[in-house]
Amino acid sequence: MTEKAVILDEQAISRAVTRIAYEIIEKNKGIDECILVGIKTRGAVLARRLSERIKQIEGKPIKTGELDITLYRDDLQLKHENKEPQVHQVDIQHDVTEKKVILVDDVLYTGRTVRAAMDAVIDLGRPAAIQLAVLVDRGHRELPIRPDFVGKNIPTSSEERIVVNVIEEDGTDGVTIHTK
């Protein structure tokens, strides 16, 4: 893969996180009935950043959790029989019943990971609503899923790949687009 362009640098990611934090607070009229749930790995990092920003803005913490959803596209022996994402770990210490659950992920592409995350949340209870926050929406949906909060819309071809790097995992912040 060859890097084609830098889409977001460290400053742009920070601004996007701040904007999304304000939008979450505004749409939900505060954070009292909300739970931020990050989809590992980079979605969980972004959820922690959103949580910190929301705490700075609101003066109190928002409830948080994490989901580990793994796609086995390359490992045929471990691939789930229906070829869908598998939920491996749910770390949500709060009751989701009648709460507004905000799923957080780095890139929204086909929507299959988000669908698996929604299933995992619903298995824990019946939320009042499930919302979706993503840093990048690249299009190409296979399911009728759309984000409520978007850092940046980046139209791509199916041959391109969006790479999100975060300091906590990769040593640097940035979003790049790559071509084959």
N, C-alpha and C. Protein backbone atom coordinates (compact mmCIF):
# COMPACT_ATOMS: atom_id res chain seq x y z
N MET A 1 0.85 -1.19 0.00
CA MET A 1 0.00 0.00 0.00
C MET A 1 0.89 1.25 0.00
N THR A 2 0.50 2.21 -0.79
CA THR A 2 1.23 3.46 -0.90
C THR A 2 0.38 4.58 -0.33
N GLU A 3 1.00 5.40 0.51
CA GLU A 3 0.28 6.53 1.08
C GLU A 3 -0.03 7.54 -0.02
N LYS A 4 -1.31 7.87 -0.14
CA LYS A 4 -1.76 8.81 -1.17
C LYS A 4 -1.84 10.23 -0.62
N ALA A 5 -2.39 10.36 0.61
CA ALA A 5 -2.56 11.70 1.17
C ALA A 5 -2.79 11.62 2.68
N VAL A 6 -2.41 12.69 3.35
CA VAL A 6 -2.74 12.85 4.77
C VAL A 6 -4.09 13.56 4.82
N ILE A 7 -5.06 12.93 5.47
CA ILE A 7 -6.41 13.48 5.53
C ILE A 7 -6.59 14.33 6.78
N LEU A 8 -6.12 13.83 7.92
CA LEU A 8 -6.20 14.56 9.18
C LEU A 8 -4.86 14.46 9.88
N ASP A 9 -4.36 15.59 10.37
CA ASP A 9 -3.15 15.57 11.19
C ASP A 9 -3.56 15.62 12.67
N GLU A 10 -2.60 15.71 13.55
CA GLU A 10 -2.87 15.69 15.00
C GLU A 10 -3.84 16.80 15.41
N GLN A 11 -3.62 18.00 14.89
CA GLN A 11 -4.49 19.13 15.22
C GLN A 11 -5.91 18.92 14.71
N ALA A 12 -6.05 18.42 13.50
CA ALA A 12 -7.37 18.19 12.92
C ALA A 12 -8.13 17.10 13.68
N ILE A 13 -7.43 16.07 14.14
CA ILE A 13 -8.07 15.03 14.95
C ILE A 13 -8.55 15.62 16.26
N SER A 14 -7.73 16.43 16.89
CA SER A 14 -8.10 17.07 18.15
C SER A 14 -9.33 17.95 17.98
N ARG A 15 -9.36 18.72 16.90
CA ARG A 15 -10.53 19.58 16.62
C ARG A 15 -11.77 18.74 16.38
N ALA A 16 -11.63 17.63 15.65
CA ALA A 16 -12.77 16.75 15.36
C ALA A 16 -13.31 16.15 16.66
N VAL A 17 -12.43 15.71 17.55
CA VAL A 17 -12.86 15.14 18.83
C VAL A 17 -13.59 16.20 19.65
N THR A 18 -13.09 17.41 19.67
CA THR A 18 -13.75 18.49 20.42
C THR A 18 -15.13 18.77 19.84
N ARG A 19 -15.24 18.86 18.53
CA ARG A 19 -16.53 19.12 17.89
C ARG A 19 -17.53 18.00 18.17
N ILE A 20 -17.08 16.75 18.05
CA ILE A 20 -17.96 15.62 18.32
C ILE A 20 -18.41 15.63 19.78
N ALA A 21 -17.51 15.98 20.70
CA ALA A 21 -17.88 16.05 22.12
C ALA A 21 -19.01 17.06 22.33
N TYR A 22 -18.88 18.25 21.75
CA TYR A 22 -19.93 19.26 21.86
C TYR A 22 -21.24 18.77 21.23
N GLU A 23 -21.13 18.11 20.07
CA GLU A 23 -22.34 17.61 19.40
C GLU A 23 -23.05 16.55 20.24
N ILE A 24 -22.29 15.66 20.88
CA ILE A 24 -22.88 14.63 21.75
C ILE A 24 -23.63 15.29 22.90
N ILE A 25 -23.01 16.26 23.53
CA ILE A 25 -23.64 16.95 24.66
C ILE A 25 -24.91 17.66 24.20
N GLU A 26 -24.82 18.35 23.07
CA GLU A 26 -25.97 19.11 22.57
C GLU A 26 -27.12 18.19 22.18
N LYS A 27 -26.83 17.15 21.41
CA LYS A 27 -27.89 16.25 20.94
C LYS A 27 -28.60 15.55 22.09
N ASN A 28 -27.85 15.22 23.14
CA ASN A 28 -28.40 14.46 24.26
C ASN A 28 -28.81 15.35 25.44
N LYS A 29 -28.73 16.66 25.25
CA LYS A 29 -29.09 17.62 26.30
C LYS A 29 -28.37 17.30 27.61
N GLY A 30 -27.06 17.11 27.49
CA GLY A 30 -26.23 16.75 28.63
C GLY A 30 -25.73 15.32 28.48
N ILE A 31 -25.18 14.78 29.58
CA ILE A 31 -24.58 13.44 29.51
C ILE A 31 -25.12 12.49 30.57
N ASP A 32 -26.11 12.92 31.33
CA ASP A 32 -26.57 12.13 32.47
C ASP A 32 -27.06 10.73 32.09
N GLU A 33 -27.69 10.58 30.96
CA GLU A 33 -28.24 9.27 30.57
C GLU A 33 -27.42 8.61 29.46
N CYS A 34 -26.16 9.03 29.32
CA CYS A 34 -25.33 8.55 28.22
C CYS A 34 -24.20 7.63 28.69
N ILE A 35 -23.84 6.70 27.81
CA ILE A 35 -22.68 5.83 28.02
C ILE A 35 -21.89 5.81 26.71
N LEU A 36 -20.61 6.19 26.76
CA LEU A 36 -19.72 6.11 25.60
C LEU A 36 -19.12 4.71 25.55
N VAL A 37 -19.23 4.03 24.42
CA VAL A 37 -18.67 2.68 24.29
C VAL A 37 -17.75 2.65 23.08
N GLY A 38 -16.44 2.50 23.35
CA GLY A 38 -15.45 2.46 22.28
C GLY A 38 -15.29 1.06 21.72
N ILE A 39 -15.16 0.98 20.40
CA ILE A 39 -14.91 -0.30 19.73
C ILE A 39 -13.40 -0.41 19.57
N LYS A 40 -12.81 -1.43 20.24
CA LYS A 40 -11.35 -1.57 20.25
C LYS A 40 -10.82 -1.76 18.84
N THR A 41 -9.67 -1.28 18.55
CA THR A 41 -8.72 -0.67 19.44
C THR A 41 -8.80 0.85 19.36
N ARG A 42 -8.79 1.37 18.16
CA ARG A 42 -8.71 2.83 18.02
C ARG A 42 -10.01 3.54 18.38
N GLY A 43 -11.13 2.87 18.23
CA GLY A 43 -12.40 3.46 18.69
C GLY A 43 -12.42 3.63 20.19
N ALA A 44 -11.80 2.69 20.91
CA ALA A 44 -11.72 2.79 22.38
C ALA A 44 -10.83 3.96 22.78
N VAL A 45 -9.74 4.16 22.05
CA VAL A 45 -8.86 5.30 22.31
C VAL A 45 -9.62 6.60 22.07
N LEU A 46 -10.34 6.67 20.95
CA LEU A 46 -11.11 7.88 20.65
C LEU A 46 -12.21 8.11 21.69
N ALA A 47 -12.82 7.03 22.18
CA ALA A 47 -13.85 7.16 23.23
C ALA A 47 -13.23 7.74 24.51
N ARG A 48 -12.02 7.31 24.85
CA ARG A 48 -11.35 7.87 26.04
C ARG A 48 -11.07 9.36 25.84
N ARG A 49 -10.65 9.74 24.64
CA ARG A 49 -10.40 11.16 24.36
C ARG A 49 -11.70 11.96 24.44
N LEU A 50 -12.77 11.41 23.86
CA LEU A 50 -14.08 12.08 23.95
C LEU A 50 -14.51 12.22 25.40
N SER A 51 -14.31 11.18 26.17
CA SER A 51 -14.67 11.20 27.59
C SER A 51 -13.94 12.32 28.33
N GLU A 52 -12.64 12.43 28.07
CA GLU A 52 -11.85 13.50 28.70
C GLU A 52 -12.34 14.88 28.29
N ARG A 53 -12.63 15.05 26.98
CA ARG A 53 -13.09 16.35 26.48
C ARG A 53 -14.46 16.69 27.07
N ILE A 54 -15.35 15.70 27.13
CA ILE A 54 -16.69 15.93 27.69
C ILE A 54 -16.58 16.30 29.17
N LYS A 55 -15.68 15.65 29.90
CA LYS A 55 -15.49 15.98 31.32
C LYS A 55 -15.00 17.43 31.47
N GLN A 56 -14.12 17.86 30.58
CA GLN A 56 -13.64 19.25 30.62
C GLN A 56 -14.79 20.22 30.37
N ILE A 57 -15.66 19.87 29.44
CA ILE A 57 -16.76 20.76 29.05
C ILE A 57 -17.87 20.77 30.11
N GLU A 58 -18.28 19.58 30.55
CA GLU A 58 -19.42 19.43 31.46
C GLU A 58 -19.05 19.50 32.93
N GLY A 59 -17.78 19.31 33.25
CA GLY A 59 -17.35 19.35 34.64
C GLY A 59 -17.66 18.07 35.42
N LYS A 60 -18.06 17.02 34.71
CA LYS A 60 -18.31 15.72 35.34
C LYS A 60 -18.05 14.64 34.31
N PRO A 61 -17.72 13.44 34.78
CA PRO A 61 -17.39 12.37 33.83
C PRO A 61 -18.62 11.77 33.18
N ILE A 62 -18.43 11.23 31.98
CA ILE A 62 -19.46 10.45 31.29
C ILE A 62 -19.14 8.98 31.52
N LYS A 63 -20.14 8.15 31.62
CA LYS A 63 -19.92 6.71 31.77
C LYS A 63 -19.31 6.17 30.48
N THR A 64 -18.41 5.17 30.63
CA THR A 64 -17.73 4.61 29.46
C THR A 64 -17.68 3.09 29.52
N GLY A 65 -17.37 2.50 28.38
CA GLY A 65 -17.17 1.06 28.26
C GLY A 65 -16.43 0.77 26.97
N GLU A 66 -16.09 -0.52 26.76
CA GLU A 66 -15.37 -0.93 25.56
C GLU A 66 -15.91 -2.26 25.05
N LEU A 67 -15.83 -2.42 23.73
CA LEU A 67 -16.16 -3.67 23.06
C LEU A 67 -14.97 -4.09 22.22
N ASP A 68 -14.66 -5.39 22.23
CA ASP A 68 -13.61 -5.93 21.37
C ASP A 68 -14.30 -6.76 20.30
N ILE A 69 -14.31 -6.26 19.08
CA ILE A 69 -14.94 -6.94 17.95
C ILE A 69 -13.86 -7.21 16.92
N THR A 70 -13.72 -8.47 16.55
CA THR A 70 -12.63 -8.86 15.67
C THR A 70 -13.16 -9.46 14.37
N LEU A 71 -12.64 -8.99 13.27
CA LEU A 71 -12.95 -9.58 11.96
C LEU A 71 -11.86 -10.59 11.62
N TYR A 72 -12.27 -11.75 11.19
CA TYR A 72 -11.30 -12.77 10.79
C TYR A 72 -11.30 -12.94 9.28
N ARG A 73 -11.08 -11.88 8.56
CA ARG A 73 -11.09 -11.96 7.09
C ARG A 73 -9.92 -12.76 6.55
N ASP A 74 -8.75 -12.63 7.17
CA ASP A 74 -7.55 -13.25 6.61
C ASP A 74 -7.27 -14.64 7.16
N ASP A 75 -7.84 -15.00 8.29
CA ASP A 75 -7.55 -16.28 8.92
C ASP A 75 -8.73 -17.22 8.69
N LEU A 76 -8.67 -18.00 7.65
CA LEU A 76 -9.80 -18.85 7.25
C LEU A 76 -10.17 -19.88 8.31
N GLN A 77 -9.21 -20.36 9.08
CA GLN A 77 -9.51 -21.37 10.09
C GLN A 77 -10.27 -20.79 11.27
N LEU A 78 -10.11 -19.53 11.52
CA LEU A 78 -10.79 -18.90 12.65
C LEU A 78 -12.01 -18.09 12.24
N LYS A 79 -12.27 -18.00 10.94
CA LYS A 79 -13.38 -17.18 10.46
C LYS A 79 -14.71 -17.71 10.99
N HIS A 80 -15.52 -16.82 11.49
CA HIS A 80 -16.86 -17.18 11.96
C HIS A 80 -17.64 -17.72 10.76
N GLU A 81 -18.48 -18.72 10.97
CA GLU A 81 -19.13 -19.38 9.84
C GLU A 81 -19.98 -18.45 8.98
N ASN A 82 -20.53 -17.36 9.55
CA ASN A 82 -21.32 -16.44 8.72
C ASN A 82 -20.48 -15.25 8.23
N LYS A 83 -19.18 -15.28 8.48
CA LYS A 83 -18.22 -14.28 8.01
C LYS A 83 -18.51 -12.88 8.54
N GLU A 84 -19.17 -12.80 9.66
CA GLU A 84 -19.48 -11.52 10.29
C GLU A 84 -18.48 -11.26 11.42
N PRO A 85 -18.37 -9.99 11.86
CA PRO A 85 -17.50 -9.70 12.99
C PRO A 85 -17.95 -10.47 14.23
N GLN A 86 -16.98 -10.86 15.03
CA GLN A 86 -17.28 -11.57 16.27
C GLN A 86 -16.98 -10.67 17.45
N VAL A 87 -17.84 -10.71 18.45
CA VAL A 87 -17.60 -9.95 19.67
C VAL A 87 -16.82 -10.85 20.60
N HIS A 88 -15.65 -10.39 21.06
CA HIS A 88 -14.80 -11.20 21.92
C HIS A 88 -14.79 -10.75 23.36
N GLN A 89 -14.98 -9.48 23.61
CA GLN A 89 -14.95 -9.00 24.98
C GLN A 89 -15.86 -7.79 25.11
N VAL A 90 -16.68 -7.82 26.14
CA VAL A 90 -17.55 -6.68 26.43
C VAL A 90 -17.15 -6.17 27.81
N ASP A 91 -16.72 -4.92 27.88
CA ASP A 91 -16.32 -4.32 29.15
C ASP A 91 -17.17 -3.07 29.36
N ILE A 92 -18.42 -3.30 29.72
CA ILE A 92 -19.34 -2.20 30.00
C ILE A 92 -19.87 -2.45 31.41
N GLN A 93 -19.42 -1.65 32.36
CA GLN A 93 -19.74 -1.87 33.77
C GLN A 93 -21.03 -1.15 34.19
N HIS A 94 -21.76 -0.62 33.23
CA HIS A 94 -22.97 0.15 33.53
C HIS A 94 -24.18 -0.52 32.89
N ASP A 95 -25.32 -0.38 33.52
CA ASP A 95 -26.56 -0.90 32.96
C ASP A 95 -26.94 -0.04 31.76
N VAL A 96 -27.12 -0.66 30.60
CA VAL A 96 -27.45 0.10 29.39
C VAL A 96 -28.95 0.32 29.22
N THR A 97 -29.76 -0.35 30.03
CA THR A 97 -31.21 -0.25 29.90
C THR A 97 -31.67 1.19 30.08
N GLU A 98 -32.41 1.68 29.09
CA GLU A 98 -32.96 3.04 29.06
C GLU A 98 -31.89 4.13 29.06
N LYS A 99 -30.65 3.78 28.69
CA LYS A 99 -29.58 4.76 28.54
C LYS A 99 -29.35 5.02 27.05
N LYS A 100 -28.72 6.15 26.75
CA LYS A 100 -28.30 6.46 25.38
C LYS A 100 -26.86 5.97 25.24
N VAL A 101 -26.68 4.93 24.45
CA VAL A 101 -25.35 4.35 24.25
C VAL A 101 -24.77 4.95 22.98
N ILE A 102 -23.58 5.54 23.10
CA ILE A 102 -22.91 6.13 21.96
C ILE A 102 -21.72 5.26 21.61
N LEU A 103 -21.83 4.51 20.51
CA LEU A 103 -20.72 3.70 20.03
C LEU A 103 -19.71 4.61 19.37
N VAL A 104 -18.42 4.34 19.60
CA VAL A 104 -17.35 5.16 19.03
C VAL A 104 -16.40 4.25 18.26
N ASP A 105 -16.14 4.60 16.99
CA ASP A 105 -15.18 3.84 16.20
C ASP A 105 -14.34 4.81 15.37
N ASP A 106 -13.22 4.30 14.87
CA ASP A 106 -12.34 5.18 14.09
C ASP A 106 -12.85 5.37 12.67
N VAL A 107 -13.18 4.27 11.97
CA VAL A 107 -13.61 4.37 10.56
C VAL A 107 -14.91 3.59 10.38
N LEU A 108 -15.87 4.21 9.72
CA LEU A 108 -17.10 3.52 9.33
C LEU A 108 -16.97 3.17 7.85
N TYR A 109 -17.11 1.89 7.55
CA TYR A 109 -16.96 1.41 6.17
C TYR A 109 -18.23 0.64 5.80
N THR A 110 -18.26 -0.66 5.91
CA THR A 110 -19.42 -1.45 5.48
C THR A 110 -20.57 -1.40 6.48
N GLY A 111 -20.25 -1.17 7.75
CA GLY A 111 -21.27 -1.14 8.80
C GLY A 111 -21.38 -2.44 9.58
N ARG A 112 -20.64 -3.46 9.17
CA ARG A 112 -20.76 -4.77 9.83
C ARG A 112 -20.21 -4.77 11.25
N THR A 113 -19.13 -4.07 11.49
CA THR A 113 -18.59 -3.99 12.85
C THR A 113 -19.58 -3.28 13.77
N VAL A 114 -20.17 -2.21 13.28
CA VAL A 114 -21.16 -1.47 14.07
C VAL A 114 -22.37 -2.34 14.37
N ARG A 115 -22.82 -3.12 13.39
CA ARG A 115 -23.95 -4.02 13.63
C ARG A 115 -23.63 -5.02 14.72
N ALA A 116 -22.42 -5.59 14.69
CA ALA A 116 -22.01 -6.53 15.73
C ALA A 116 -21.95 -5.84 17.10
N ALA A 117 -21.48 -4.60 17.13
CA ALA A 117 -21.41 -3.84 18.39
C ALA A 117 -22.81 -3.56 18.91
N MET A 118 -23.75 -3.23 18.02
CA MET A 118 -25.14 -2.99 18.46
C MET A 118 -25.73 -4.26 19.04
N ASP A 119 -25.47 -5.40 18.41
CA ASP A 119 -25.96 -6.68 18.94
C ASP A 119 -25.42 -6.93 20.34
N ALA A 120 -24.13 -6.65 20.54
CA ALA A 120 -23.51 -6.86 21.86
C ALA A 120 -24.14 -5.96 22.92
N VAL A 121 -24.41 -4.73 22.56
CA VAL A 121 -25.03 -3.79 23.50
C VAL A 121 -26.45 -4.25 23.84
N ILE A 122 -27.20 -4.64 22.84
CA ILE A 122 -28.59 -5.06 23.05
C ILE A 122 -28.65 -6.33 23.90
N ASP A 123 -27.63 -7.18 23.80
CA ASP A 123 -27.57 -8.37 24.65
C ASP A 123 -27.46 -8.01 26.13
N LEU A 124 -26.99 -6.81 26.43
CA LEU A 124 -26.82 -6.36 27.82
C LEU A 124 -28.08 -5.70 28.38
N GLY A 125 -29.01 -5.32 27.52
CA GLY A 125 -30.21 -4.63 27.97
C GLY A 125 -30.83 -3.88 26.80
N ARG A 126 -31.87 -3.12 27.11
CA ARG A 126 -32.57 -2.39 26.06
C ARG A 126 -32.30 -0.89 26.22
N PRO A 127 -31.32 -0.38 25.44
CA PRO A 127 -31.01 1.04 25.54
C PRO A 127 -32.16 1.91 25.02
N ALA A 128 -32.24 3.13 25.51
CA ALA A 128 -33.22 4.09 24.99
C ALA A 128 -32.88 4.42 23.55
N ALA A 129 -31.58 4.48 23.24
CA ALA A 129 -31.10 4.78 21.89
C ALA A 129 -29.66 4.31 21.76
N ILE A 130 -29.28 3.98 20.54
CA ILE A 130 -27.88 3.72 20.22
C ILE A 130 -27.48 4.73 19.15
N GLN A 131 -26.44 5.49 19.45
CA GLN A 131 -25.92 6.48 18.51
C GLN A 131 -24.52 6.05 18.09
N LEU A 132 -24.03 6.65 17.01
CA LEU A 132 -22.72 6.27 16.48
C LEU A 132 -21.88 7.51 16.22
N ALA A 133 -20.67 7.49 16.77
CA ALA A 133 -19.68 8.54 16.53
C ALA A 133 -18.47 7.91 15.86
N VAL A 134 -18.04 8.47 14.73
CA VAL A 134 -16.87 7.97 14.02
C VAL A 134 -15.95 9.13 13.67
N LEU A 135 -14.66 8.84 13.67
CA LEU A 135 -13.71 9.85 13.24
C LEU A 135 -13.79 10.04 11.72
N VAL A 136 -13.91 8.91 10.98
CA VAL A 136 -13.95 8.96 9.52
C VAL A 136 -15.10 8.11 9.00
N ASP A 137 -15.90 8.69 8.11
CA ASP A 137 -16.91 7.94 7.38
C ASP A 137 -16.44 7.87 5.93
N ARG A 138 -16.12 6.67 5.48
CA ARG A 138 -15.56 6.52 4.12
C ARG A 138 -16.56 6.02 3.09
N GLY A 139 -17.81 5.79 3.52
CA GLY A 139 -18.82 5.33 2.57
C GLY A 139 -18.76 3.83 2.35
N HIS A 140 -19.40 3.36 1.30
CA HIS A 140 -19.43 1.95 0.89
C HIS A 140 -20.21 1.07 1.87
N ARG A 141 -21.30 1.58 2.40
CA ARG A 141 -22.09 0.81 3.36
C ARG A 141 -22.74 -0.40 2.72
N GLU A 142 -22.75 -1.51 3.44
CA GLU A 142 -23.45 -2.72 3.05
C GLU A 142 -24.72 -2.91 3.87
N LEU A 143 -24.84 -2.14 4.93
CA LEU A 143 -26.00 -2.20 5.82
C LEU A 143 -26.55 -0.79 6.00
N PRO A 144 -27.83 -0.66 6.34
CA PRO A 144 -28.42 0.68 6.50
C PRO A 144 -28.04 1.31 7.84
N ILE A 145 -26.77 1.68 7.96
CA ILE A 145 -26.22 2.27 9.18
C ILE A 145 -25.60 3.59 8.80
N ARG A 146 -25.89 4.63 9.60
CA ARG A 146 -25.26 5.93 9.36
C ARG A 146 -24.84 6.52 10.70
N PRO A 147 -23.75 7.26 10.71
CA PRO A 147 -23.27 7.84 11.97
C PRO A 147 -24.07 9.09 12.36
N ASP A 148 -24.17 9.30 13.66
CA ASP A 148 -24.80 10.52 14.19
C ASP A 148 -23.78 11.64 14.31
N PHE A 149 -22.52 11.27 14.53
CA PHE A 149 -21.45 12.24 14.73
C PHE A 149 -20.25 11.80 13.89
N VAL A 150 -19.75 12.70 13.04
CA VAL A 150 -18.66 12.37 12.11
C VAL A 150 -17.57 13.41 12.20
N GLY A 151 -16.32 12.96 12.36
CA GLY A 151 -15.19 13.86 12.32
C GLY A 151 -14.95 14.37 10.91
N LYS A 152 -14.93 13.44 9.93
CA LYS A 152 -14.72 13.83 8.54
C LYS A 152 -15.28 12.77 7.61
N ASN A 153 -16.00 13.21 6.59
CA ASN A 153 -16.45 12.33 5.51
C ASN A 153 -15.36 12.29 4.46
N ILE A 154 -14.92 11.09 4.11
CA ILE A 154 -13.87 10.95 3.11
C ILE A 154 -14.35 9.95 2.05
N PRO A 155 -14.86 10.44 0.92
CA PRO A 155 -15.25 9.50 -0.15
C PRO A 155 -14.02 8.74 -0.65
N THR A 156 -14.15 7.43 -0.74
CA THR A 156 -13.03 6.60 -1.18
C THR A 156 -13.50 5.61 -2.23
N SER A 157 -12.55 5.02 -2.91
CA SER A 157 -12.87 3.88 -3.76
C SER A 157 -12.67 2.62 -2.92
N SER A 158 -13.22 1.53 -3.37
CA SER A 158 -13.06 0.29 -2.61
C SER A 158 -11.62 -0.22 -2.67
N GLU A 159 -10.82 0.34 -3.56
CA GLU A 159 -9.41 -0.04 -3.68
C GLU A 159 -8.52 0.73 -2.69
N GLU A 160 -9.08 1.77 -2.10
CA GLU A 160 -8.30 2.59 -1.17
C GLU A 160 -8.52 2.11 0.26
N ARG A 161 -7.59 2.48 1.11
CA ARG A 161 -7.67 2.10 2.52
C ARG A 161 -7.42 3.34 3.38
N ILE A 162 -8.22 3.50 4.42
CA ILE A 162 -8.02 4.59 5.37
C ILE A 162 -7.25 4.03 6.56
N VAL A 163 -6.17 4.69 6.94
CA VAL A 163 -5.36 4.26 8.08
C VAL A 163 -5.42 5.35 9.15
N VAL A 164 -5.90 4.96 10.33
CA VAL A 164 -5.96 5.87 11.46
C VAL A 164 -4.87 5.49 12.44
N ASN A 165 -4.02 6.45 12.77
CA ASN A 165 -3.00 6.24 13.79
C ASN A 165 -3.31 7.12 15.00
N VAL A 166 -3.14 6.55 16.18
CA VAL A 166 -3.32 7.30 17.42
C VAL A 166 -2.07 7.13 18.27
N ILE A 167 -1.70 8.19 18.96
CA ILE A 167 -0.47 8.19 19.76
C ILE A 167 -0.43 7.01 20.72
N GLU A 168 -1.56 6.71 21.34
CA GLU A 168 -1.62 5.67 22.36
C GLU A 168 -1.26 4.29 21.81
N GLU A 169 -1.49 4.05 20.54
CA GLU A 169 -1.23 2.74 19.92
C GLU A 169 -0.08 2.77 18.92
N ASP A 170 0.06 3.90 18.21
CA ASP A 170 0.97 3.95 17.07
C ASP A 170 2.10 4.97 17.22
N GLY A 171 2.09 5.75 18.29
CA GLY A 171 3.14 6.73 18.51
C GLY A 171 2.93 8.05 17.79
N THR A 172 1.87 8.16 17.00
CA THR A 172 1.57 9.39 16.28
C THR A 172 0.08 9.47 16.00
N ASP A 173 -0.41 10.69 15.82
CA ASP A 173 -1.80 10.90 15.45
C ASP A 173 -1.86 11.29 13.97
N GLY A 174 -2.78 10.66 13.24
CA GLY A 174 -2.97 11.04 11.85
C GLY A 174 -3.90 10.08 11.14
N VAL A 175 -4.53 10.58 10.09
CA VAL A 175 -5.38 9.75 9.23
C VAL A 175 -4.85 9.92 7.82
N THR A 176 -4.53 8.79 7.19
CA THR A 176 -4.02 8.82 5.84
C THR A 176 -4.85 7.90 4.94
N ILE A 177 -4.80 8.19 3.65
CA ILE A 177 -5.45 7.34 2.66
C ILE A 177 -4.35 6.66 1.85
N HIS A 178 -4.52 5.36 1.64
CA HIS A 178 -3.51 4.57 0.93
C HIS A 178 -4.14 3.91 -0.29
N THR A 179 -3.32 3.68 -1.31
CA THR A 179 -3.77 2.97 -2.50
C THR A 179 -2.91 1.73 -2.69
N LYS A 180 -3.49 0.76 -3.42
CA LYS A 180 -2.75 -0.48 -3.69
C LYS A 180 -1.69 -0.28 -4.74
